[in-house]
Amino acid sequence: MRHRAIYGLVVLAGGLASCQRSGAPAPVATGGAPSAVGPSEQQAGAVIEIRNHQELEFEPGIKMTVWDLRASRVGELAARLLVIKDGKSEVAQEAIYKWDKWPESKPEAVWHLYYLLQNGEPFGAKHKRLPAITLKFDDAAPSNLAGKHLNRLVEGEFRLQHSEARKDSTIDSSRPDLVYFGFYDPAKGDSSVNIRPTVEAIVEATKGGRTAVAIVVEWKPIAERR
């Protein structure tokens, strides 16, 4: 069936990203600044920008969000999918990419970040949702990658209360940057939430039996070779 094929392709890509080819993954960071890279060590023009954003629905129960990225002179990139339940955050999927050098023939590269949320009922997981992320590199593919995929589920008869997806903006290299979050509430009646777009605020808002899914991107410019 079509929905099985779509989910299978994204999970397969995520699984490939989880194959450890460069040792253990880096420590998880959902707040604060990453290790600083001095201005003298950065190459001019290092950037990751969101250039386009799409929300796609293939059929009931299958939703995909796609971000088109413009990238240049990236040295390390980490994408993390967080499942946050009742005030506790857990990394459901992580992929860390590294570049030994940026290809001189590609001053700018085109990449794509995919987020898929699949109804689990066709797979025997009723009232559960299966989230997954993956990155596709049209240009300037990484030299090494490492990561993990824990297949964490979003459980319960939750309904989406609020979601935010980044659009047409630069992803900050000085700290982990929140690209997406979806906030779920088990309440059957109408309710509203007002959440600041930070991981810490989302974790706090899930207390009391709520659930959220978040995507965090962290990256560093490539260092100059001396």
Protein backbone atom coordinates (compact mmCIF):
# COMPACT_ATOMS: atom_id res chain seq x y z
CA MET A 1 0.00 0.00 0.00
CA ARG A 2 1.08 3.57 -0.68
CA HIS A 3 1.24 4.70 2.94
CA ARG A 4 3.42 1.73 3.88
CA ALA A 5 5.81 2.54 1.03
CA ILE A 6 6.06 6.21 2.03
CA TYR A 7 6.74 5.43 5.67
CA GLY A 8 9.18 2.67 4.73
CA LEU A 9 11.24 4.99 2.54
CA VAL A 10 11.60 7.63 5.25
CA VAL A 11 12.41 5.14 8.00
CA LEU A 12 14.92 3.43 5.71
CA ALA A 13 16.65 6.75 5.12
CA GLY A 14 16.62 7.43 8.84
CA GLY A 15 18.00 3.98 9.51
CA LEU A 16 20.86 4.57 7.12
CA ALA A 17 21.65 7.76 8.97
CA SER A 18 21.78 5.80 12.23
CA CYS A 19 24.53 3.46 11.06
CA GLN A 20 27.58 4.48 13.06
CA ARG A 21 30.45 5.19 10.68
CA SER A 22 32.45 7.59 12.74
CA GLY A 23 32.32 6.37 16.33
CA ALA A 24 29.89 7.31 19.08
CA PRO A 25 27.43 10.15 18.51
CA ALA A 26 28.07 13.53 20.04
CA PRO A 27 26.32 14.42 23.33
CA VAL A 28 22.72 15.51 22.99
CA ALA A 29 22.18 19.25 23.36
CA THR A 30 18.70 20.81 23.50
CA GLY A 31 19.65 24.12 25.05
CA GLY A 32 22.61 26.42 25.55
CA ALA A 33 25.42 27.11 23.12
CA PRO A 34 27.57 24.47 21.38
CA SER A 35 31.34 24.53 21.60
CA ALA A 36 32.48 27.90 20.30
CA VAL A 37 34.45 28.21 17.09
CA GLY A 38 36.53 31.39 17.00
CA PRO A 39 35.93 33.85 14.16
CA SER A 40 39.48 33.28 12.90
CA GLU A 41 38.68 29.57 12.49
CA GLN A 42 35.46 30.04 10.54
CA GLN A 43 35.29 30.20 6.79
CA ALA A 44 33.49 33.26 5.45
CA GLY A 45 29.98 32.61 4.18
CA ALA A 46 29.14 29.60 6.34
CA VAL A 47 25.34 29.36 6.53
CA ILE A 48 22.28 27.10 6.63
CA GLU A 49 19.07 28.80 5.51
CA ILE A 50 15.52 27.58 5.18
CA ARG A 51 14.46 28.59 1.67
CA ASN A 52 11.14 26.75 1.35
CA HIS A 53 8.68 24.89 3.56
CA GLN A 54 5.85 22.55 2.59
CA GLU A 55 3.12 20.70 4.48
CA LEU A 56 2.00 17.56 2.64
CA GLU A 57 -0.81 15.10 3.37
CA PHE A 58 -0.76 11.95 1.28
CA GLU A 59 -3.89 10.38 2.76
CA PRO A 60 -5.58 10.38 6.19
CA GLY A 61 -3.02 9.51 8.85
CA ILE A 62 0.10 10.43 6.86
CA LYS A 63 1.55 13.93 7.13
CA MET A 64 4.93 15.12 5.92
CA THR A 65 6.74 18.41 6.41
CA VAL A 66 9.61 19.27 4.06
CA TRP A 67 12.16 22.05 4.45
CA ASP A 68 14.46 23.01 1.56
CA LEU A 69 17.81 24.22 2.85
CA ARG A 70 20.60 26.29 1.34
CA ALA A 71 23.95 25.45 2.92
CA SER A 72 27.54 26.58 2.59
CA ARG A 73 30.80 25.69 4.38
CA VAL A 74 29.24 23.46 7.02
CA GLY A 75 31.62 21.39 9.15
CA GLU A 76 29.16 19.52 11.38
CA LEU A 77 25.39 19.14 11.39
CA ALA A 78 23.16 17.38 13.92
CA ALA A 79 19.40 16.84 13.54
CA ARG A 80 17.48 15.50 16.52
CA LEU A 81 13.86 14.39 16.86
CA LEU A 82 12.61 14.77 20.43
CA VAL A 83 9.53 13.11 21.92
CA ILE A 84 8.52 15.04 25.04
CA LYS A 85 6.05 13.47 27.47
CA ASP A 86 4.76 14.85 30.76
CA GLY A 87 7.76 17.10 31.34
CA LYS A 88 10.45 14.67 30.17
CA SER A 89 12.34 14.93 26.88
CA GLU A 90 13.86 11.95 25.07
CA VAL A 91 15.83 11.75 21.83
CA ALA A 92 13.84 9.50 19.48
CA GLN A 93 16.19 9.93 16.54
CA GLU A 94 19.56 11.57 16.01
CA ALA A 95 21.81 11.96 12.99
CA ILE A 96 25.19 13.71 13.11
CA TYR A 97 27.00 14.57 9.88
CA LYS A 98 30.59 15.80 9.47
CA TRP A 99 32.56 17.26 6.56
CA ASP A 100 36.34 16.89 6.27
CA LYS A 101 36.36 19.71 3.71
CA TRP A 102 33.77 21.68 1.80
CA PRO A 103 33.86 21.03 -1.97
CA GLU A 104 35.23 24.06 -3.80
CA SER A 105 32.98 23.26 -6.75
CA LYS A 106 29.86 23.78 -4.59
CA PRO A 107 29.87 27.20 -2.93
CA GLU A 108 26.19 26.58 -2.15
CA ALA A 109 24.49 23.24 -1.61
CA VAL A 110 20.81 22.21 -1.65
CA TRP A 111 19.60 19.92 1.13
CA HIS A 112 16.18 18.73 2.33
CA LEU A 113 14.92 17.95 5.83
CA TYR A 114 11.90 15.62 6.02
CA TYR A 115 9.57 15.04 8.97
CA LEU A 116 6.95 12.30 8.70
CA LEU A 117 4.17 11.55 11.18
CA GLN A 118 2.44 8.25 10.45
CA ASN A 119 -0.72 6.82 12.02
CA GLY A 120 0.42 3.62 13.71
CA GLU A 121 -2.86 1.70 13.33
CA PRO A 122 -1.94 0.06 9.98
CA PHE A 123 1.15 -1.35 11.72
CA GLY A 124 -0.71 -2.71 14.76
CA ALA A 125 -0.07 0.36 16.94
CA LYS A 126 -3.56 1.75 17.47
CA HIS A 127 -3.79 5.23 19.04
CA LYS A 128 -0.08 5.74 18.43
CA ARG A 129 1.83 7.87 15.98
CA LEU A 130 5.22 7.08 14.49
CA PRO A 131 7.48 10.13 13.93
CA ALA A 132 10.64 10.07 11.80
CA ILE A 133 13.11 12.55 10.31
CA THR A 134 15.70 12.26 7.59
CA LEU A 135 18.05 14.54 5.62
CA LYS A 136 18.74 14.32 1.89
CA PHE A 137 21.83 15.94 0.38
CA ASP A 138 21.54 16.95 -3.27
CA ASP A 139 25.03 18.48 -3.14
CA ALA A 140 28.06 18.45 -0.83
CA ALA A 141 27.28 15.16 0.91
CA PRO A 142 28.95 14.65 4.31
CA SER A 143 32.19 12.74 4.79
CA ASN A 144 31.01 10.87 7.89
CA LEU A 145 27.80 10.25 9.78
CA ALA A 146 26.71 8.70 13.04
CA GLY A 147 23.49 8.51 14.97
CA LYS A 148 20.70 6.50 16.52
CA HIS A 149 17.06 5.68 15.86
CA LEU A 150 15.06 4.49 18.87
CA ASN A 151 11.58 4.27 17.26
CA ARG A 152 9.85 6.23 20.02
CA LEU A 153 6.07 6.53 19.62
CA VAL A 154 3.66 9.34 20.33
CA GLU A 155 1.03 7.46 22.33
CA GLY A 156 -2.58 8.07 23.31
CA GLU A 157 -5.70 9.46 21.66
CA PHE A 158 -4.10 12.90 21.43
CA ARG A 159 -5.20 15.67 19.14
CA LEU A 160 -2.90 18.36 17.84
CA GLN A 161 -3.41 21.63 19.71
CA HIS A 162 -0.66 23.73 18.24
CA SER A 163 2.30 23.41 15.88
CA GLU A 164 4.95 25.73 14.50
CA ALA A 165 7.33 25.14 11.60
CA ARG A 166 10.20 27.48 10.73
CA LYS A 167 9.96 29.21 7.38
CA ASP A 168 12.40 31.31 5.34
CA SER A 169 14.96 31.95 8.03
CA THR A 170 18.59 31.34 8.94
CA ILE A 171 19.36 28.48 11.32
CA ASP A 172 21.54 29.81 14.13
CA SER A 173 25.01 28.25 14.42
CA SER A 174 25.65 29.57 17.94
CA ARG A 175 23.13 27.29 19.66
CA PRO A 176 20.73 24.38 19.02
CA ASP A 177 17.85 25.83 16.98
CA LEU A 178 14.22 24.68 17.14
CA VAL A 179 12.90 24.07 13.62
CA TYR A 180 9.52 22.46 14.43
CA PHE A 181 7.27 21.45 17.28
CA GLY A 182 3.83 19.85 17.53
CA PHE A 183 1.98 19.99 20.85
CA TYR A 184 -0.66 17.35 21.67
CA ASP A 185 -3.29 17.45 24.41
CA PRO A 186 -5.40 14.46 25.49
CA ALA A 187 -8.37 16.74 26.29
CA LYS A 188 -11.49 16.01 24.27
CA GLY A 189 -12.94 19.51 24.52
CA ASP A 190 -11.64 22.79 23.18
CA SER A 191 -8.49 24.12 24.78
CA SER A 192 -5.73 26.48 23.81
CA VAL A 193 -2.03 26.71 24.53
CA ASN A 194 0.45 29.52 24.36
CA ILE A 195 3.97 28.10 24.13
CA ARG A 196 7.22 29.95 23.62
CA PRO A 197 9.21 28.24 20.83
CA THR A 198 12.01 26.86 22.99
CA VAL A 199 12.65 23.28 24.04
CA GLU A 200 12.64 24.27 27.70
CA ALA A 201 9.22 25.95 27.41
CA ILE A 202 7.77 22.98 25.51
CA VAL A 203 9.06 20.53 28.14
CA GLU A 204 7.41 22.61 30.86
CA ALA A 205 4.13 22.84 28.92
CA THR A 206 3.83 19.05 28.59
CA LYS A 207 3.53 18.56 32.34
CA GLY A 208 0.13 17.22 33.30
CA GLY A 209 -0.11 14.44 30.73
CA ARG A 210 0.60 16.28 27.49
CA THR A 211 2.94 15.26 24.67
CA ALA A 212 5.03 17.15 22.11
CA VAL A 213 7.32 16.35 19.20
CA ALA A 214 10.19 18.69 18.39
CA ILE A 215 12.98 18.89 15.80
CA VAL A 216 16.23 20.58 16.81
CA VAL A 217 19.07 21.38 14.40
CA GLU A 218 22.60 22.21 15.55
CA TRP A 219 25.52 23.02 13.28
CA LYS A 220 29.05 24.41 13.16
CA PRO A 221 30.99 26.08 10.34
CA ILE A 222 33.92 24.17 8.90
CA ALA A 223 37.29 25.22 10.31
CA GLU A 224 39.96 26.68 8.09
CA ARG A 225 42.84 24.31 7.38
CA ARG A 226 46.18 25.91 8.25
